[in-house]
N, C-alpha and C. Protein backbone atom coordinates (compact mmCIF):
# COMPACT_ATOMS: atom_id res chain seq x y z
N MET A 1 -30.53 -29.80 4.71
CA MET A 1 -29.39 -30.23 5.39
C MET A 1 -28.41 -30.46 4.64
N HIS A 2 -28.02 -31.13 3.41
CA HIS A 2 -27.25 -31.58 2.62
C HIS A 2 -26.92 -30.49 2.29
N ARG A 3 -28.10 -29.12 1.89
CA ARG A 3 -26.90 -28.35 1.32
C ARG A 3 -26.08 -28.25 2.28
N LEU A 4 -26.36 -27.82 3.42
CA LEU A 4 -25.77 -26.73 4.87
C LEU A 4 -24.15 -27.81 5.50
N VAL A 5 -24.74 -29.22 4.88
CA VAL A 5 -22.67 -30.32 5.33
C VAL A 5 -22.02 -29.51 4.48
N GLU A 6 -22.71 -29.44 3.10
CA GLU A 6 -22.22 -29.15 1.94
C GLU A 6 -21.29 -28.00 1.89
N ILE A 7 -22.08 -26.68 2.50
CA ILE A 7 -21.24 -25.66 2.53
C ILE A 7 -20.06 -25.68 3.57
N ALA A 8 -20.11 -26.08 4.93
CA ALA A 8 -19.47 -26.02 5.76
C ALA A 8 -18.42 -27.38 5.37
N LEU A 9 -18.16 -28.32 4.73
CA LEU A 9 -17.05 -29.13 4.45
C LEU A 9 -16.42 -28.62 3.67
N CYS A 10 -16.95 -27.64 2.07
CA CYS A 10 -15.43 -26.01 1.61
C CYS A 10 -15.24 -25.29 2.59
N THR A 11 -16.34 -25.20 3.54
CA THR A 11 -15.32 -24.20 4.47
C THR A 11 -14.06 -24.05 4.79
N ILE A 12 -14.42 -25.98 5.57
CA ILE A 12 -13.68 -26.19 6.25
C ILE A 12 -12.23 -26.35 5.81
N GLY A 13 -11.96 -26.26 4.88
CA GLY A 13 -10.48 -25.32 3.98
C GLY A 13 -10.69 -24.62 3.93
N VAL A 14 -10.85 -23.82 3.78
CA VAL A 14 -11.20 -21.91 3.93
C VAL A 14 -9.55 -20.71 4.64
N GLY A 15 -9.47 -21.11 5.47
CA GLY A 15 -8.23 -20.67 6.19
C GLY A 15 -7.05 -21.04 5.66
N ALA A 16 -6.59 -22.11 6.03
CA ALA A 16 -5.92 -23.19 5.34
C ALA A 16 -5.49 -22.32 3.62
N LEU A 17 -7.07 -21.99 2.80
CA LEU A 17 -6.07 -22.14 1.42
C LEU A 17 -6.16 -20.26 1.29
N LEU A 18 -6.60 -19.50 2.14
CA LEU A 18 -6.32 -18.43 1.83
C LEU A 18 -5.08 -18.21 2.63
N TRP A 19 -4.42 -19.22 4.02
CA TRP A 19 -2.59 -18.85 4.17
C TRP A 19 -2.02 -18.45 2.56
N ARG A 20 -2.20 -20.04 2.10
CA ARG A 20 -1.61 -20.15 1.34
C ARG A 20 -1.29 -19.20 -0.06
N ALA A 21 -2.52 -18.13 -0.35
CA ALA A 21 -3.19 -17.79 -1.28
C ALA A 21 -2.13 -16.36 -1.28
N ALA A 22 -2.35 -16.38 0.46
CA ALA A 22 -1.57 -14.99 0.49
C ALA A 22 0.21 -15.24 0.52
N ALA A 23 0.86 -16.80 0.97
CA ALA A 23 1.24 -16.78 0.77
C ALA A 23 2.67 -16.55 -0.09
N ALA A 24 1.69 -17.05 -1.47
CA ALA A 24 2.17 -17.77 -2.74
C ALA A 24 2.07 -16.11 -3.01
N SER A 25 1.44 -14.74 -3.19
CA SER A 25 2.10 -13.19 -3.11
C SER A 25 3.59 -13.07 -2.90
N GLY A 26 4.05 -13.92 -1.63
CA GLY A 26 5.65 -13.34 -1.43
C GLY A 26 4.96 -12.07 -0.65
N VAL A 27 4.45 -11.19 -0.81
CA VAL A 27 4.13 -9.34 0.42
C VAL A 27 5.70 -9.51 0.09
N GLU A 28 5.96 -8.80 -1.12
CA GLU A 28 7.02 -8.19 -1.55
C GLU A 28 6.88 -6.82 -1.17
N LEU A 29 7.54 -5.82 -0.98
CA LEU A 29 7.67 -4.87 -0.63
C LEU A 29 7.99 -3.91 -1.19
N GLU A 30 8.27 -3.00 -1.70
CA GLU A 30 8.46 -2.01 -2.41
C GLU A 30 9.42 -0.70 -1.73
N PRO A 31 10.14 0.02 -1.83
CA PRO A 31 10.79 0.66 -0.61
C PRO A 31 9.67 1.89 -0.68
N GLY A 32 9.95 2.06 0.78
CA GLY A 32 9.23 2.67 0.99
C GLY A 32 8.06 2.31 2.03
N GLY A 33 7.86 2.78 3.13
CA GLY A 33 7.20 2.53 4.21
C GLY A 33 5.38 3.33 4.26
N SER A 34 4.89 3.06 3.54
CA SER A 34 3.00 3.44 4.29
C SER A 34 2.51 2.65 4.39
N PRO A 35 1.71 2.95 5.36
CA PRO A 35 0.54 2.46 6.42
C PRO A 35 -0.28 1.00 5.86
N GLY A 36 -0.50 0.98 4.45
CA GLY A 36 -0.64 -0.95 4.18
C GLY A 36 0.54 -1.25 3.93
N ARG A 37 1.84 -0.94 3.58
CA ARG A 37 2.98 -1.59 3.23
C ARG A 37 3.51 -1.64 4.36
N ALA A 38 2.87 -1.01 5.71
CA ALA A 38 3.61 -1.73 7.01
C ALA A 38 2.53 -2.79 7.55
N ALA A 39 1.58 -2.74 7.24
CA ALA A 39 0.72 -3.50 7.34
C ALA A 39 1.00 -5.49 6.76
N LEU A 40 1.21 -4.80 5.65
CA LEU A 40 1.52 -6.67 4.85
C LEU A 40 3.02 -6.58 6.03
N ALA A 41 3.66 -6.25 5.32
CA ALA A 41 5.14 -6.75 7.01
C ALA A 41 4.44 -7.55 7.86
N ILE A 42 3.44 -6.94 8.53
CA ILE A 42 2.65 -7.66 9.73
C ILE A 42 2.38 -9.25 9.04
N CYS A 43 1.76 -8.95 8.02
CA CYS A 43 1.29 -10.10 7.23
C CYS A 43 2.27 -11.32 7.12
N GLN A 44 3.41 -11.20 6.80
CA GLN A 44 5.05 -11.73 6.63
C GLN A 44 5.40 -12.40 7.68
N GLN A 45 5.08 -10.91 8.58
CA GLN A 45 6.09 -11.49 10.00
C GLN A 45 5.02 -13.07 9.99
N ALA A 46 3.60 -12.82 10.52
CA ALA A 46 3.42 -13.33 11.12
C ALA A 46 3.31 -15.16 11.05
N ASP A 47 4.12 -15.64 9.44
CA ASP A 47 5.29 -17.30 9.26
C ASP A 47 6.13 -17.43 9.94
N LEU A 48 6.32 -16.52 10.69
CA LEU A 48 7.86 -16.94 11.67
C LEU A 48 8.02 -16.71 13.21
N VAL A 49 6.91 -16.19 13.71
CA VAL A 49 5.76 -16.24 15.37
C VAL A 49 5.92 -17.06 15.60
N PRO A 50 5.85 -17.59 17.03
CA PRO A 50 5.48 -19.22 17.09
C PRO A 50 4.25 -19.25 16.87
N ALA A 51 2.95 -20.83 17.08
CA ALA A 51 1.59 -20.51 15.90
C ALA A 51 1.12 -19.83 17.85
N ALA A 52 1.16 -19.98 18.99
CA ALA A 52 0.57 -18.99 19.86
C ALA A 52 0.62 -18.41 19.89
N GLU A 53 1.44 -17.51 19.28
CA GLU A 53 1.40 -15.83 18.91
C GLU A 53 0.88 -15.16 17.87
N ARG A 54 0.89 -15.50 16.77
CA ARG A 54 -0.01 -16.27 15.31
C ARG A 54 -1.34 -15.26 15.14
N ALA A 55 -2.00 -15.61 15.59
CA ALA A 55 -3.34 -15.04 16.31
C ALA A 55 -3.11 -13.40 16.19
N SER A 56 -2.76 -13.06 17.54
CA SER A 56 -2.51 -11.72 18.24
C SER A 56 -1.77 -11.22 16.95
N VAL A 57 -0.50 -11.69 16.12
CA VAL A 57 0.02 -10.60 15.69
C VAL A 57 -0.97 -10.95 14.15
N LEU A 58 -1.34 -11.38 13.97
CA LEU A 58 -2.69 -10.95 12.92
C LEU A 58 -3.32 -10.16 13.16
N ALA A 59 -4.27 -10.01 14.11
CA ALA A 59 -5.59 -9.38 14.66
C ALA A 59 -4.24 -8.02 14.79
N VAL A 60 -3.48 -7.79 14.94
CA VAL A 60 -2.78 -6.43 15.12
C VAL A 60 -1.94 -5.69 13.43
N GLY A 61 -1.62 -6.94 12.20
CA GLY A 61 -1.90 -6.73 10.99
C GLY A 61 -2.93 -6.18 10.46
N LEU A 62 -4.52 -7.14 10.86
CA LEU A 62 -5.52 -6.59 10.03
C LEU A 62 -5.70 -5.39 10.80
N LYS A 63 -5.90 -5.17 11.29
CA LYS A 63 -6.34 -4.24 12.14
C LYS A 63 -5.37 -2.31 11.58
N ARG A 64 -4.38 -2.15 12.26
CA ARG A 64 -3.66 -1.71 11.30
C ARG A 64 -4.04 -1.32 9.66
N ALA A 65 -4.61 -2.66 8.52
CA ALA A 65 -4.47 -2.65 6.81
C ALA A 65 -6.28 -2.05 6.76
N GLU A 66 -6.85 -1.69 8.73
CA GLU A 66 -7.94 -0.88 8.13
C GLU A 66 -8.18 0.18 8.62
N ASP A 67 -7.26 0.09 9.10
CA ASP A 67 -6.60 1.92 9.18
C ASP A 67 -6.14 2.69 7.71
N ALA A 68 -4.97 1.59 7.26
CA ALA A 68 -4.79 1.69 6.43
C ALA A 68 -5.61 2.51 4.73
N VAL A 69 -6.39 1.26 5.03
CA VAL A 69 -7.45 1.48 3.91
C VAL A 69 -8.67 2.89 4.68
N ASN A 70 -8.88 3.24 5.67
CA ASN A 70 -9.70 4.09 6.18
C ASN A 70 -8.59 5.65 5.77
N ALA A 71 -7.53 5.28 6.11
CA ALA A 71 -6.49 6.67 5.80
C ALA A 71 -6.72 6.78 4.02
N ASP A 72 -6.88 5.69 3.46
CA ASP A 72 -6.17 6.51 2.17
C ASP A 72 -7.55 4.61 1.13
N PRO A 73 -8.39 5.01 1.48
CA PRO A 73 -9.20 3.58 0.74
C PRO A 73 -8.27 3.77 -1.45
N ARG A 74 -7.38 4.45 -1.92
CA ARG A 74 -7.36 4.24 -2.99
C ARG A 74 -5.24 3.54 -3.06
N ASP A 75 -5.24 3.24 -1.70
CA ASP A 75 -3.78 2.39 -1.03
C ASP A 75 -4.65 1.53 -1.46
N PRO A 76 -4.17 0.33 -2.54
CA PRO A 76 -4.63 -0.55 -2.93
C PRO A 76 -3.50 -1.37 -1.61
N ALA A 77 -1.96 -1.01 -1.63
CA ALA A 77 -0.88 -2.30 -0.33
C ALA A 77 -1.99 -2.24 0.63
N ALA A 78 -2.91 -1.94 1.57
CA ALA A 78 -4.06 -1.53 2.21
C ALA A 78 -4.65 -1.96 2.02
N HIS A 79 -6.08 -2.71 0.91
CA HIS A 79 -6.78 -4.04 0.70
C HIS A 79 -6.40 -4.80 0.45
N PHE A 80 -4.88 -4.98 0.22
CA PHE A 80 -4.04 -6.65 -0.23
C PHE A 80 -3.66 -7.08 1.45
N ALA A 81 -3.62 -5.60 2.36
CA ALA A 81 -3.30 -6.42 3.47
C ALA A 81 -4.45 -7.17 4.69
N VAL A 82 -5.30 -6.01 4.19
CA VAL A 82 -6.71 -6.87 4.61
C VAL A 82 -6.82 -7.86 4.51
N PHE A 83 -6.70 -8.45 3.64
CA PHE A 83 -6.76 -9.25 2.06
C PHE A 83 -6.03 -11.25 3.15
N CYS A 84 -5.15 -10.49 2.97
CA CYS A 84 -4.07 -11.04 3.60
C CYS A 84 -4.01 -11.83 5.34
N ASN A 85 -4.17 -10.75 6.00
CA ASN A 85 -4.07 -10.75 7.27
C ASN A 85 -5.38 -11.33 8.29
N LEU A 86 -6.37 -10.47 6.71
CA LEU A 86 -7.86 -11.46 7.58
C LEU A 86 -7.84 -13.22 7.04
N GLY A 87 -7.29 -13.39 5.87
CA GLY A 87 -7.03 -15.12 5.20
C GLY A 87 -6.47 -15.88 6.51
N LYS A 88 -5.50 -15.46 6.78
CA LYS A 88 -4.35 -16.14 7.46
C LYS A 88 -5.12 -16.78 9.38
N SER A 89 -5.72 -15.58 9.24
CA SER A 89 -6.20 -15.18 10.40
C SER A 89 -7.70 -16.59 10.68
N LEU A 90 -8.27 -16.96 9.10
CA LEU A 90 -9.42 -17.47 9.11
C LEU A 90 -8.77 -19.41 9.35
N LEU A 91 -7.50 -19.34 9.64
CA LEU A 91 -6.44 -20.73 9.52
C LEU A 91 -7.35 -21.14 10.74
N LYS A 92 -7.54 -20.03 12.00
CA LYS A 92 -7.72 -20.49 13.36
C LYS A 92 -8.87 -20.71 14.00
N ARG A 93 -10.19 -20.81 12.19
CA ARG A 93 -11.24 -21.49 13.21
C ARG A 93 -11.23 -22.98 12.61
N SER A 94 -12.64 -23.24 13.46
CA SER A 94 -13.07 -24.85 14.04
C SER A 94 -14.41 -24.56 13.79
N GLY A 95 -14.80 -26.08 13.72
CA GLY A 95 -15.58 -26.71 13.99
C GLY A 95 -16.96 -25.84 13.05
N TRP A 96 -18.24 -25.38 14.19
CA TRP A 96 -20.05 -24.86 13.28
C TRP A 96 -19.25 -23.29 13.18
N ARG A 97 -18.30 -22.83 14.15
CA ARG A 97 -17.42 -21.49 13.39
C ARG A 97 -16.71 -21.59 12.84
N LEU A 98 -16.93 -22.55 11.48
CA LEU A 98 -16.71 -22.25 10.74
C LEU A 98 -17.21 -21.41 8.91
N PHE A 99 -18.49 -21.42 9.68
CA PHE A 99 -19.71 -20.83 8.87
C PHE A 99 -19.46 -19.29 9.00
N ALA A 100 -18.74 -18.27 9.90
CA ALA A 100 -18.79 -17.32 10.21
C ALA A 100 -17.44 -17.00 8.88
N ALA A 101 -16.64 -18.24 8.64
CA ALA A 101 -15.82 -17.47 7.54
C ALA A 101 -16.21 -17.12 6.45
N LEU A 102 -17.35 -18.02 6.07
CA LEU A 102 -18.35 -17.48 4.80
C LEU A 102 -17.86 -15.47 4.32
N GLY A 103 -18.36 -15.55 5.67
CA GLY A 103 -18.06 -13.54 5.84
C GLY A 103 -17.31 -13.26 5.40
N ASP A 104 -16.18 -13.41 5.89
CA ASP A 104 -15.22 -13.26 5.52
C ASP A 104 -14.51 -13.87 4.43
N LEU A 105 -14.84 -14.99 4.20
CA LEU A 105 -14.24 -15.05 3.03
C LEU A 105 -14.49 -14.23 1.54
N SER A 106 -15.61 -14.00 1.62
CA SER A 106 -16.69 -12.66 1.27
C SER A 106 -15.91 -11.33 1.40
N ARG A 107 -15.71 -11.38 2.26
CA ARG A 107 -14.77 -9.16 2.46
C ARG A 107 -13.43 -9.57 2.04
N ALA A 108 -12.80 -10.65 1.94
CA ALA A 108 -11.54 -11.40 2.08
C ALA A 108 -11.46 -11.41 0.24
N ARG A 109 -12.22 -11.37 -0.97
CA ARG A 109 -12.07 -11.41 -1.74
C ARG A 109 -12.66 -10.34 -2.37
N LYS A 110 -13.28 -8.98 -1.16
CA LYS A 110 -14.36 -7.69 -1.60
C LYS A 110 -12.82 -7.27 -2.29
N GLU A 111 -11.73 -7.64 -1.43
CA GLU A 111 -10.63 -6.32 -0.89
C GLU A 111 -9.48 -6.50 -1.66
N ILE A 112 -9.07 -8.38 -1.95
CA ILE A 112 -8.13 -8.45 -3.82
C ILE A 112 -9.04 -8.00 -4.56
N ASP A 113 -9.81 -7.89 -4.74
CA ASP A 113 -10.76 -7.10 -5.87
C ASP A 113 -10.30 -5.66 -6.12
N ILE A 114 -10.67 -5.27 -4.93
CA ILE A 114 -10.26 -3.62 -4.80
C ILE A 114 -8.86 -3.20 -5.06
N ALA A 115 -7.87 -4.06 -4.34
CA ALA A 115 -6.58 -3.93 -4.29
C ALA A 115 -6.17 -4.06 -6.01
N LEU A 116 -6.47 -5.09 -6.89
CA LEU A 116 -6.25 -5.30 -8.17
C LEU A 116 -7.63 -3.96 -9.18
N SER A 117 -8.79 -3.66 -8.94
CA SER A 117 -8.81 -2.90 -9.35
C SER A 117 -7.73 -1.57 -9.79
N LEU A 118 -7.47 -1.10 -8.42
CA LEU A 118 -6.38 -0.13 -8.31
C LEU A 118 -4.96 -0.22 -8.29
N ALA A 119 -5.21 -1.63 -8.96
CA ALA A 119 -3.42 -2.19 -9.16
C ALA A 119 -3.10 -2.90 -10.10
N PRO A 120 -3.85 -2.64 -11.63
CA PRO A 120 -4.76 -3.77 -12.69
C PRO A 120 -2.99 -4.57 -12.67
N ASP A 121 -1.64 -4.06 -12.63
CA ASP A 121 -0.82 -4.98 -11.94
C ASP A 121 0.07 -5.44 -11.52
N TYR A 122 -1.05 -5.51 -9.80
CA TYR A 122 -0.25 -5.50 -8.57
C TYR A 122 0.16 -7.53 -8.48
N ALA A 123 1.12 -7.77 -8.78
CA ALA A 123 2.00 -9.54 -9.64
C ALA A 123 1.53 -10.37 -7.62
N GLY A 124 2.17 -9.79 -7.07
CA GLY A 124 1.08 -10.29 -5.72
C GLY A 124 0.33 -10.70 -5.72
N ALA A 125 -0.80 -9.42 -5.74
CA ALA A 125 -2.04 -9.16 -5.63
C ALA A 125 -2.75 -10.77 -6.67
N LEU A 126 -2.34 -10.78 -7.80
CA LEU A 126 -2.20 -11.33 -9.06
C LEU A 126 -2.51 -12.62 -8.66
N ALA A 127 -1.42 -12.77 -7.90
CA ALA A 127 -0.79 -14.46 -7.92
C ALA A 127 -1.70 -14.76 -6.63
N ALA A 128 -1.75 -14.17 -5.74
CA ALA A 128 -3.14 -14.73 -4.24
C ALA A 128 -4.65 -14.70 -4.64
N LYS A 129 -4.90 -13.64 -6.01
CA LYS A 129 -6.67 -14.83 -5.81
C LYS A 129 -6.61 -15.29 -7.07
N GLY A 130 -5.29 -15.75 -8.31
CA GLY A 130 -4.87 -16.28 -8.74
C GLY A 130 -4.98 -18.30 -8.15
N THR A 131 -4.08 -18.16 -6.67
CA THR A 131 -4.99 -18.98 -5.54
C THR A 131 -5.50 -19.54 -5.53
N MET A 132 -6.09 -18.75 -5.31
CA MET A 132 -6.94 -18.67 -4.19
C MET A 132 -8.36 -19.34 -5.73
N LEU A 133 -8.15 -18.82 -6.30
CA LEU A 133 -8.98 -19.75 -7.76
C LEU A 133 -9.69 -20.84 -8.08
N VAL A 134 -7.76 -21.31 -7.97
CA VAL A 134 -7.05 -22.11 -8.61
C VAL A 134 -7.89 -23.64 -7.14
N GLU A 135 -8.30 -22.77 -6.20
CA GLU A 135 -7.85 -23.80 -5.25
C GLU A 135 -9.52 -23.73 -4.16
N LEU A 136 -10.28 -22.87 -4.53
CA LEU A 136 -11.69 -22.51 -3.68
C LEU A 136 -12.29 -23.96 -4.54
N PRO A 137 -13.04 -24.12 -4.13
CA PRO A 137 -14.80 -25.17 -4.76
C PRO A 137 -15.38 -24.03 -5.11
N ARG A 138 -15.77 -24.85 -6.32
CA ARG A 138 -17.33 -23.92 -7.34
C ARG A 138 -17.76 -23.55 -6.75
N LEU A 139 -18.42 -24.11 -5.38
CA LEU A 139 -18.84 -24.18 -4.32
C LEU A 139 -19.19 -22.55 -4.25
N LEU A 140 -18.25 -21.84 -4.14
CA LEU A 140 -17.75 -20.80 -3.71
C LEU A 140 -16.91 -19.93 -4.11
N GLY A 141 -16.90 -20.53 -5.55
CA GLY A 141 -16.82 -19.26 -6.88
C GLY A 141 -15.56 -19.24 -7.01
N GLY A 142 -14.73 -20.81 -7.24
CA GLY A 142 -13.75 -21.20 -7.44
C GLY A 142 -13.52 -21.05 -9.56
N ASP A 143 -12.14 -20.84 -9.33
CA ASP A 143 -12.34 -21.18 -10.85
C ASP A 143 -10.96 -21.24 -11.60
N ALA A 144 -10.75 -22.77 -11.81
CA ALA A 144 -9.03 -22.61 -12.07
C ALA A 144 -8.24 -22.07 -13.55
N ASP A 145 -9.36 -21.99 -13.94
CA ASP A 145 -8.92 -21.72 -15.15
C ASP A 145 -9.32 -19.90 -15.05
N GLU A 146 -8.86 -19.31 -14.73
CA GLU A 146 -9.08 -17.49 -14.60
C GLU A 146 -7.69 -18.01 -13.06
N GLY A 147 -8.03 -18.65 -12.41
CA GLY A 147 -6.88 -18.10 -11.39
C GLY A 147 -5.74 -18.67 -12.09
N LEU A 148 -5.96 -19.99 -13.22
CA LEU A 148 -4.20 -20.33 -13.65
C LEU A 148 -3.99 -18.63 -14.48
N ARG A 149 -4.90 -18.12 -15.68
CA ARG A 149 -4.39 -16.56 -15.83
C ARG A 149 -4.24 -15.75 -15.22
N LEU A 150 -4.15 -15.68 -14.15
CA LEU A 150 -4.21 -14.75 -14.04
C LEU A 150 -2.76 -15.34 -12.82
N LEU A 151 -2.27 -16.82 -12.66
CA LEU A 151 -0.83 -16.88 -11.25
C LEU A 151 -0.07 -16.62 -12.95
N ARG A 152 0.33 -16.80 -13.96
CA ARG A 152 0.90 -16.45 -15.12
C ARG A 152 0.95 -15.41 -15.70
N ARG A 153 -0.02 -14.39 -15.45
CA ARG A 153 -0.47 -12.87 -15.42
C ARG A 153 1.18 -12.46 -14.53
N ALA A 154 1.02 -13.11 -13.22
CA ALA A 154 2.03 -12.64 -12.09
C ALA A 154 3.11 -13.00 -12.78
N VAL A 155 3.60 -13.62 -13.06
CA VAL A 155 4.72 -14.33 -13.05
C VAL A 155 5.32 -13.47 -15.07
N ALA A 156 4.12 -12.88 -15.14
CA ALA A 156 4.65 -12.51 -17.05
C ALA A 156 5.40 -10.60 -15.98
N LEU A 157 4.66 -10.95 -15.06
CA LEU A 157 4.91 -9.25 -14.53
C LEU A 157 5.75 -9.55 -13.53
N SER A 158 5.99 -10.01 -13.18
CA SER A 158 7.35 -9.88 -12.18
C SER A 158 8.50 -12.16 -12.53
N PRO A 159 8.89 -11.56 -13.69
CA PRO A 159 9.63 -12.74 -13.55
C PRO A 159 11.14 -13.60 -12.75
N GLU A 160 11.25 -12.13 -12.56
CA GLU A 160 12.21 -12.55 -11.35
C GLU A 160 11.89 -13.21 -10.04
N ASP A 161 10.89 -12.74 -9.99
CA ASP A 161 10.11 -13.85 -8.58
C ASP A 161 9.85 -15.15 -8.58
N ALA A 162 11.03 -15.88 -7.96
CA ALA A 162 11.08 -17.62 -7.79
C ALA A 162 9.65 -17.57 -6.99
N LYS A 163 8.95 -16.34 -6.29
CA LYS A 163 7.54 -17.05 -5.10
C LYS A 163 6.65 -17.40 -6.50
N LEU A 164 7.00 -16.19 -7.00
CA LEU A 164 5.60 -16.08 -8.13
C LEU A 164 5.51 -17.40 -8.91
N ARG A 165 6.39 -18.10 -9.74
CA ARG A 165 6.71 -18.91 -10.01
C ARG A 165 6.74 -19.75 -9.17
N LEU A 166 7.02 -21.17 -8.45
CA LEU A 166 6.97 -21.67 -7.45
C LEU A 166 5.28 -22.37 -7.27
N ALA A 167 4.34 -20.96 -6.96
CA ALA A 167 3.00 -21.39 -6.93
C ALA A 167 2.58 -21.43 -8.14
N LEU A 168 2.88 -21.23 -9.24
CA LEU A 168 2.67 -20.88 -10.97
C LEU A 168 2.85 -22.83 -11.08
N ALA A 169 3.69 -23.19 -10.95
CA ALA A 169 4.50 -24.58 -10.91
C ALA A 169 3.80 -25.38 -10.12
N HIS A 170 2.96 -25.48 -9.00
CA HIS A 170 2.72 -26.03 -8.16
C HIS A 170 0.98 -26.35 -8.87
N VAL A 171 0.55 -25.64 -9.48
CA VAL A 171 -1.16 -25.39 -9.73
C VAL A 171 -0.86 -26.51 -10.86
N LEU A 172 0.63 -25.98 -12.31
CA LEU A 172 0.43 -26.46 -13.15
C LEU A 172 0.10 -28.30 -12.78
N ASP A 173 1.92 -28.38 -11.98
CA ASP A 173 1.80 -29.76 -11.61
C ASP A 173 0.29 -30.10 -10.80
N ALA A 174 -0.33 -29.50 -10.21
CA ALA A 174 -1.16 -31.24 -9.66
C ALA A 174 -2.46 -30.70 -11.18
N ALA A 175 -2.09 -29.99 -12.08
CA ALA A 175 -3.63 -29.37 -13.21
C ALA A 175 -2.44 -30.59 -14.34
N GLY A 176 -1.48 -31.22 -14.17
CA GLY A 176 -1.09 -32.17 -15.17
C GLY A 176 -0.12 -32.07 -16.58
N GLN A 177 -0.06 -30.54 -15.49
CA GLN A 177 0.82 -30.07 -17.34
C GLN A 177 2.04 -29.76 -16.76
N ARG A 178 2.79 -30.89 -16.38
CA ARG A 178 4.27 -31.04 -16.38
C ARG A 178 5.39 -30.32 -16.35
N ASP A 179 5.30 -30.23 -18.46
CA ASP A 179 6.33 -29.83 -19.06
C ASP A 179 6.77 -27.79 -18.74
N GLU A 180 5.40 -27.36 -17.91
CA GLU A 180 5.24 -26.13 -18.25
C GLU A 180 5.72 -26.01 -16.60
N ALA A 181 5.78 -26.52 -15.63
CA ALA A 181 5.67 -27.43 -14.52
C ALA A 181 7.43 -26.81 -14.73
N LEU A 182 7.81 -28.65 -14.69
CA LEU A 182 9.29 -28.39 -14.92
C LEU A 182 9.87 -26.87 -15.24
N LEU A 183 9.35 -26.09 -16.91
CA LEU A 183 10.54 -25.40 -17.04
C LEU A 183 10.20 -23.89 -15.58
N HIS A 184 8.98 -23.36 -15.30
CA HIS A 184 9.02 -22.78 -14.19
C HIS A 184 9.51 -22.63 -12.71
N ALA A 185 9.50 -24.18 -12.03
CA ALA A 185 10.12 -24.87 -11.29
C ALA A 185 11.90 -24.42 -10.51
N SER A 186 12.07 -24.93 -12.33
CA SER A 186 13.57 -25.20 -12.80
C SER A 186 13.45 -23.19 -13.34
N VAL A 187 13.34 -22.03 -13.12
CA VAL A 187 13.44 -21.14 -13.71
C VAL A 187 13.97 -20.36 -11.92
N ALA A 188 12.61 -20.62 -11.41
CA ALA A 188 12.77 -20.62 -10.32
C ALA A 188 13.64 -21.22 -9.02
N LEU A 189 14.28 -22.22 -9.64
CA LEU A 189 15.96 -22.51 -8.82
C LEU A 189 16.58 -22.10 -9.07
N VAL A 190 17.43 -22.02 -10.44
CA VAL A 190 18.03 -21.21 -10.80
C VAL A 190 18.18 -19.38 -9.81
N ILE A 191 17.23 -19.16 -9.86
CA ILE A 191 16.38 -18.06 -9.22
C ILE A 191 17.23 -17.94 -8.01
N LEU A 192 16.71 -18.89 -7.02
CA LEU A 192 17.10 -19.11 -5.73
C LEU A 192 18.43 -19.96 -5.41
N GLU A 193 18.73 -20.91 -6.20
CA GLU A 193 20.40 -21.13 -5.66
C GLU A 193 20.95 -19.66 -5.83
N ARG A 194 21.44 -18.56 -6.37
CA ARG A 194 21.82 -17.26 -6.17
C ARG A 194 21.36 -16.80 -5.22
N ALA A 195 20.73 -16.18 -4.68
CA ALA A 195 20.32 -15.59 -3.21
C ALA A 195 18.85 -16.31 -3.02
N GLY A 196 18.34 -17.19 -2.03
CA GLY A 196 17.26 -17.37 -1.84
C GLY A 196 16.74 -17.88 -0.53
N PRO A 197 15.96 -17.98 0.17
CA PRO A 197 15.10 -18.38 1.45
C PRO A 197 15.39 -19.95 1.40
N ALA A 198 16.02 -20.33 2.24
CA ALA A 198 16.86 -22.23 2.52
C ALA A 198 14.74 -22.87 2.33
N ASP A 199 14.08 -22.40 2.94
CA ASP A 199 12.54 -23.28 2.51
C ASP A 199 12.69 -23.23 1.48
N GLN A 200 12.25 -22.11 0.81
CA GLN A 200 11.47 -22.49 -0.93
C GLN A 200 12.69 -23.09 -1.95
N LEU A 201 14.33 -22.59 -1.63
CA LEU A 201 15.10 -23.62 -2.32
C LEU A 201 14.01 -24.94 -1.90
N ALA A 202 14.89 -25.89 -1.02
CA ALA A 202 13.95 -27.05 -0.87
C ALA A 202 12.76 -27.77 -2.14
N ASP A 203 12.27 -26.42 -1.88
CA ASP A 203 10.80 -26.47 -2.78
C ASP A 203 10.55 -26.91 -3.75
N ALA A 204 11.59 -25.58 -4.21
CA ALA A 204 11.83 -26.12 -5.94
C ALA A 204 13.16 -27.19 -6.45
N ARG A 205 14.05 -27.93 -5.35
CA ARG A 205 14.60 -28.21 -5.61
C ARG A 205 13.48 -30.27 -5.83
N THR A 206 12.90 -30.10 -4.33
CA THR A 206 12.00 -31.45 -4.70
C THR A 206 10.97 -30.99 -6.02
N LEU A 207 9.88 -29.47 -6.58
CA LEU A 207 9.79 -29.77 -7.40
C LEU A 207 9.88 -30.06 -8.50
N VAL A 208 11.78 -29.66 -8.45
CA VAL A 208 11.59 -29.91 -9.62
C VAL A 208 12.43 -31.18 -10.21
N ALA A 209 12.81 -32.03 -8.89
CA ALA A 209 12.93 -33.53 -9.03
C ALA A 209 11.58 -34.20 -8.98
N SER A 210 10.63 -34.20 -8.93
CA SER A 210 9.59 -34.70 -8.80
C SER A 210 8.29 -34.70 -10.23
N VAL A 211 8.81 -34.08 -10.87
CA VAL A 211 8.04 -33.18 -12.28
C VAL A 211 8.48 -33.83 -13.52
N ARG A 212 10.50 -34.33 -13.22
CA ARG A 212 11.22 -34.61 -14.15
C ARG A 212 10.63 -36.08 -14.51
């Protein structure tokens, strides 16, 4: 029974964790409109709709992502879209229904691993998996060191992506590596001051101020 309670407590944060992991990626779309990228766009749009509508938007996104995988199993964006829409939908789970989230967590991890096997330099997917591994309890497969390595790799591949740098900076700050956190947060701030979303700009300013 103790083991079941421990698993339940770990699972409580799975939905929020996967939401943060998907958000860390930025889900930036390349030019062109494949079905996989369209499903990723829906996942991104879910952040902008009222909370009451979010579940239905993510359900549409997940269905389109699954259809995209079936149409082209070798499209990394399609597999990443499954991870993104499924992960964010888990945030709605509550109570003992969270046991079902363990199966969805396993599926989400499988999909992002497939995406990275097809596109090892997919910076957004690397950042998402890195964030997930950093925050996931060891009981559920977390690995903070590997997660940090993946986040650093994502930033190295896409150094002008402020959102990736902020994701890395937050993880470094939490790990007590304040000098490196300040470096990445400061670079992100410079990028965002040129042209960046207001929420990311505020996040960067707050982080820089807190780690100085």
